[in-house]
PDB file of N, CA and C in Angstrom:
ATOM      1  N   MET A   1     -56.114 -25.720 -69.660  1.00  0.00           N
ATOM      2  CA  MET A   1     -57.203 -26.352 -70.432  1.00  0.00           C
ATOM      3  C   MET A   1     -56.829 -27.906 -70.208  1.00  0.00           C
ATOM      4  N   ILE A   2     -57.885 -28.817 -70.009  1.00  0.00           N
ATOM      5  CA  ILE A   2     -57.702 -30.242 -70.317  1.00  0.00           C
ATOM      6  C   ILE A   2     -57.654 -30.721 -71.709  1.00  0.00           C
ATOM      7  N   ASN A   3     -56.743 -31.495 -72.003  1.00  0.00           N
ATOM      8  CA  ASN A   3     -56.928 -32.066 -73.518  1.00  0.00           C
ATOM      9  C   ASN A   3     -57.255 -33.441 -73.163  1.00  0.00           C
ATOM     10  N   PHE A   4     -58.540 -33.764 -73.652  1.00  0.00           N
ATOM     11  CA  PHE A   4     -59.065 -34.709 -73.360  1.00  0.00           C
ATOM     12  C   PHE A   4     -58.668 -36.094 -74.289  1.00  0.00           C
ATOM     13  N   GLU A   5     -58.248 -35.586 -75.223  1.00  0.00           N
ATOM     14  CA  GLU A   5     -57.530 -36.738 -76.241  1.00  0.00           C
ATOM     15  C   GLU A   5     -56.106 -37.273 -75.455  1.00  0.00           C
ATOM     16  N   GLU A   6     -55.495 -36.579 -74.908  1.00  0.00           N
ATOM     17  CA  GLU A   6     -54.288 -37.014 -74.066  1.00  0.00           C
ATOM     18  C   GLU A   6     -54.773 -37.688 -73.004  1.00  0.00           C
ATOM     19  N   GLU A   7     -55.752 -37.055 -72.272  1.00  0.00           N
ATOM     20  CA  GLU A   7     -56.229 -37.921 -71.118  1.00  0.00           C
ATOM     21  C   GLU A   7     -56.719 -39.371 -71.435  1.00  0.00           C
ATOM     22  N   LEU A   8     -57.509 -39.193 -72.737  1.00  0.00           N
ATOM     23  CA  LEU A   8     -58.083 -40.817 -73.098  1.00  0.00           C
ATOM     24  C   LEU A   8     -57.079 -41.709 -73.526  1.00  0.00           C
ATOM     25  N   LYS A   9     -55.899 -41.230 -73.780  1.00  0.00           N
ATOM     26  CA  LYS A   9     -54.388 -42.183 -73.840  1.00  0.00           C
ATOM     27  C   LYS A   9     -53.999 -42.594 -72.774  1.00  0.00           C
ATOM     28  N   LYS A  10     -53.986 -41.823 -71.737  1.00  0.00           N
ATOM     29  CA  LYS A  10     -53.441 -42.093 -70.475  1.00  0.00           C
ATOM     30  C   LYS A  10     -54.452 -43.201 -69.539  1.00  0.00           C
ATOM     31  N   PHE A  11     -55.733 -43.258 -70.200  1.00  0.00           N
ATOM     32  CA  PHE A  11     -56.818 -44.093 -69.646  1.00  0.00           C
ATOM     33  C   PHE A  11     -56.294 -45.633 -69.218  1.00  0.00           C
ATOM     34  N   ARG A  12     -56.281 -46.133 -67.911  1.00  0.00           N
ATOM     35  CA  ARG A  12     -56.387 -47.506 -67.896  1.00  0.00           C
ATOM     36  C   ARG A  12     -57.370 -47.964 -67.071  1.00  0.00           C
ATOM     37  N   PRO A  13     -58.145 -49.023 -67.521  1.00  0.00           N
ATOM     38  CA  PRO A  13     -59.374 -49.344 -66.692  1.00  0.00           C
ATOM     39  C   PRO A  13     -59.113 -50.094 -65.381  1.00  0.00           C
ATOM     40  N   SER A  14     -59.879 -49.873 -64.573  1.00  0.00           N
ATOM     41  CA  SER A  14     -59.593 -50.306 -63.102  1.00  0.00           C
ATOM     42  C   SER A  14     -59.918 -51.966 -63.273  1.00  0.00           C
ATOM     43  N   LEU A  15     -59.180 -52.577 -62.238  1.00  0.00           N
ATOM     44  CA  LEU A  15     -59.401 -53.955 -62.030  1.00  0.00           C
ATOM     45  C   LEU A  15     -60.673 -54.157 -61.812  1.00  0.00           C
ATOM     46  N   GLU A  16     -61.409 -55.302 -62.126  1.00  0.00           N
ATOM     47  CA  GLU A  16     -62.718 -55.710 -61.578  1.00  0.00           C
ATOM     48  C   GLU A  16     -62.556 -56.202 -60.159  1.00  0.00           C
ATOM     49  N   VAL A  17     -63.446 -56.283 -59.297  1.00  0.00           N
ATOM     50  CA  VAL A  17     -63.426 -56.677 -58.088  1.00  0.00           C
ATOM     51  C   VAL A  17     -62.733 -57.843 -57.804  1.00  0.00           C
ATOM     52  N   GLU A  18     -63.102 -58.888 -58.270  1.00  0.00           N
ATOM     53  CA  GLU A  18     -62.616 -60.167 -57.811  1.00  0.00           C
ATOM     54  C   GLU A  18     -60.985 -60.140 -58.351  1.00  0.00           C
ATOM     55  N   ASP A  19     -60.275 -59.485 -59.475  1.00  0.00           N
ATOM     56  CA  ASP A  19     -59.095 -59.267 -59.701  1.00  0.00           C
ATOM     57  C   ASP A  19     -58.359 -58.372 -58.793  1.00  0.00           C
ATOM     58  N   ALA A  20     -59.073 -57.183 -58.145  1.00  0.00           N
ATOM     59  CA  ALA A  20     -58.574 -56.598 -57.218  1.00  0.00           C
ATOM     60  C   ALA A  20     -58.343 -57.350 -55.645  1.00  0.00           C
ATOM     61  N   GLU A  21     -59.441 -58.177 -55.459  1.00  0.00           N
ATOM     62  CA  GLU A  21     -59.420 -58.954 -54.199  1.00  0.00           C
ATOM     63  C   GLU A  21     -58.178 -60.131 -54.332  1.00  0.00           C
ATOM     64  N   GLU A  22     -57.937 -60.595 -55.520  1.00  0.00           N
ATOM     65  CA  GLU A  22     -57.102 -61.759 -55.650  1.00  0.00           C
ATOM     66  C   GLU A  22     -55.556 -61.057 -55.543  1.00  0.00           C
ATOM     67  N   SER A  23     -55.512 -59.954 -56.306  1.00  0.00           N
ATOM     68  CA  SER A  23     -54.010 -59.226 -56.174  1.00  0.00           C
ATOM     69  C   SER A  23     -53.762 -58.676 -54.728  1.00  0.00           C
ATOM     70  N   ILE A  24     -54.849 -58.195 -54.034  1.00  0.00           N
ATOM     71  CA  ILE A  24     -54.657 -57.795 -52.787  1.00  0.00           C
ATOM     72  C   ILE A  24     -54.258 -59.158 -51.854  1.00  0.00           C
ATOM     73  N   TYR A  25     -54.905 -60.293 -51.846  1.00  0.00           N
ATOM     74  CA  TYR A  25     -54.745 -61.113 -50.894  1.00  0.00           C
ATOM     75  C   TYR A  25     -53.534 -61.979 -51.167  1.00  0.00           C
ATOM     76  N   ASN A  26     -53.130 -61.953 -52.447  1.00  0.00           N
ATOM     77  CA  ASN A  26     -51.868 -62.867 -52.808  1.00  0.00           C
ATOM     78  C   ASN A  26     -50.456 -62.010 -52.345  1.00  0.00           C
ATOM     79  N   GLN A  27     -50.533 -60.713 -51.970  1.00  0.00           N
ATOM     80  CA  GLN A  27     -49.501 -60.078 -51.123  1.00  0.00           C
ATOM     81  C   GLN A  27     -49.262 -60.545 -49.868  1.00  0.00           C
ATOM     82  N   ASP A  28     -47.956 -60.719 -49.598  1.00  0.00           N
ATOM     83  CA  ASP A  28     -47.755 -61.062 -48.280  1.00  0.00           C
ATOM     84  C   ASP A  28     -47.122 -59.987 -47.507  1.00  0.00           C
ATOM     85  N   LEU A  29     -48.227 -59.344 -46.689  1.00  0.00           N
ATOM     86  CA  LEU A  29     -47.991 -58.048 -46.179  1.00  0.00           C
ATOM     87  C   LEU A  29     -48.001 -58.454 -44.555  1.00  0.00           C
ATOM     88  N   THR A  30     -47.026 -57.568 -43.910  1.00  0.00           N
ATOM     89  CA  THR A  30     -47.044 -57.916 -42.429  1.00  0.00           C
ATOM     90  C   THR A  30     -47.952 -56.613 -41.849  1.00  0.00           C
ATOM     91  N   ASP A  31     -48.450 -56.923 -40.818  1.00  0.00           N
ATOM     92  CA  ASP A  31     -49.346 -56.046 -40.199  1.00  0.00           C
ATOM     93  C   ASP A  31     -48.921 -56.229 -38.613  1.00  0.00           C
ATOM     94  N   MET A  32     -49.686 -55.364 -37.968  1.00  0.00           N
ATOM     95  CA  MET A  32     -49.396 -55.029 -36.739  1.00  0.00           C
ATOM     96  C   MET A  32     -49.678 -56.416 -35.822  1.00  0.00           C
ATOM     97  N   ALA A  33     -50.605 -57.146 -36.314  1.00  0.00           N
ATOM     98  CA  ALA A  33     -50.801 -58.439 -35.377  1.00  0.00           C
ATOM     99  C   ALA A  33     -49.629 -59.518 -35.701  1.00  0.00           C
ATOM    100  N   ASP A  34     -49.143 -59.350 -37.024  1.00  0.00           N
ATOM    101  CA  ASP A  34     -48.148 -60.199 -37.225  1.00  0.00           C
ATOM    102  C   ASP A  34     -46.753 -59.924 -36.584  1.00  0.00           C
ATOM    103  N   LEU A  35     -46.481 -58.659 -36.306  1.00  0.00           N
ATOM    104  CA  LEU A  35     -45.487 -57.996 -35.489  1.00  0.00           C
ATOM    105  C   LEU A  35     -45.479 -58.551 -34.069  1.00  0.00           C
ATOM    106  N   LEU A  36     -46.580 -58.360 -33.456  1.00  0.00           N
ATOM    107  CA  LEU A  36     -46.905 -58.653 -32.124  1.00  0.00           C
ATOM    108  C   LEU A  36     -46.698 -60.069 -31.707  1.00  0.00           C
ATOM    109  N   VAL A  37     -47.076 -60.914 -32.704  1.00  0.00           N
ATOM    110  CA  VAL A  37     -46.806 -62.614 -32.669  1.00  0.00           C
ATOM    111  C   VAL A  37     -45.371 -62.761 -32.689  1.00  0.00           C
ATOM    112  N   ARG A  38     -44.771 -62.199 -33.593  1.00  0.00           N
ATOM    113  CA  ARG A  38     -43.270 -62.384 -33.820  1.00  0.00           C
ATOM    114  C   ARG A  38     -42.544 -61.948 -32.245  1.00  0.00           C
ATOM    115  N   MET A  39     -42.770 -60.480 -31.805  1.00  0.00           N
ATOM    116  CA  MET A  39     -42.337 -60.315 -30.808  1.00  0.00           C
ATOM    117  C   MET A  39     -42.623 -61.105 -29.572  1.00  0.00           C
ATOM    118  N   ILE A  40     -43.848 -61.755 -29.329  1.00  0.00           N
ATOM    119  CA  ILE A  40     -44.027 -62.468 -28.191  1.00  0.00           C
ATOM    120  C   ILE A  40     -43.180 -63.969 -28.442  1.00  0.00           C
ATOM    121  N   GLN A  41     -43.185 -64.530 -29.636  1.00  0.00           N
ATOM    122  CA  GLN A  41     -42.364 -65.597 -29.835  1.00  0.00           C
ATOM    123  C   GLN A  41     -40.991 -65.481 -29.430  1.00  0.00           C
ATOM    124  N   GLU A  42     -40.384 -64.015 -29.938  1.00  0.00           N
ATOM    125  CA  GLU A  42     -39.069 -63.962 -29.687  1.00  0.00           C
ATOM    126  C   GLU A  42     -38.810 -63.991 -28.066  1.00  0.00           C
ATOM    127  N   VAL A  43     -39.668 -63.279 -27.433  1.00  0.00           N
ATOM    128  CA  VAL A  43     -39.599 -63.179 -25.902  1.00  0.00           C
ATOM    129  C   VAL A  43     -39.557 -64.604 -25.004  1.00  0.00           C
ATOM    130  N   GLN A  44     -40.653 -65.268 -25.688  1.00  0.00           N
ATOM    131  CA  GLN A  44     -40.704 -66.678 -25.119  1.00  0.00           C
ATOM    132  C   GLN A  44     -39.495 -67.481 -25.446  1.00  0.00           C
ATOM    133  N   GLU A  45     -38.848 -67.311 -26.538  1.00  0.00           N
ATOM    134  CA  GLU A  45     -37.648 -67.993 -27.060  1.00  0.00           C
ATOM    135  C   GLU A  45     -36.409 -67.514 -26.151  1.00  0.00           C
ATOM    136  N   THR A  46     -36.282 -66.410 -25.781  1.00  0.00           N
ATOM    137  CA  THR A  46     -35.282 -65.896 -25.016  1.00  0.00           C
ATOM    138  C   THR A  46     -35.299 -66.170 -23.450  1.00  0.00           C
ATOM    139  N   GLU A  47     -36.680 -66.238 -23.150  1.00  0.00           N
ATOM    140  CA  GLU A  47     -36.799 -66.664 -21.883  1.00  0.00           C
ATOM    141  C   GLU A  47     -36.650 -68.343 -21.492  1.00  0.00           C
ATOM    142  N   GLU A  48     -36.870 -69.034 -22.556  1.00  0.00           N
ATOM    143  CA  GLU A  48     -36.642 -70.566 -22.537  1.00  0.00           C
ATOM    144  C   GLU A  48     -35.016 -70.666 -22.492  1.00  0.00           C
ATOM    145  N   GLN A  49     -34.130 -69.930 -22.681  1.00  0.00           N
ATOM    146  CA  GLN A  49     -32.793 -69.898 -22.809  1.00  0.00           C
ATOM    147  C   GLN A  49     -32.235 -69.767 -21.388  1.00  0.00           C
TER     148      GLN A  49
END
């Protein structure tokens, strides 16, 4: 059985859209494009040597 009083105590409101966007964009996440650029740069550097 669900205890609604307990569930209400656990409730945390979700972020507003603007707050969520800001939170997401402020994280420095590496994606596949970043990895590919880094790999290409490393290959070019080793070829120059």
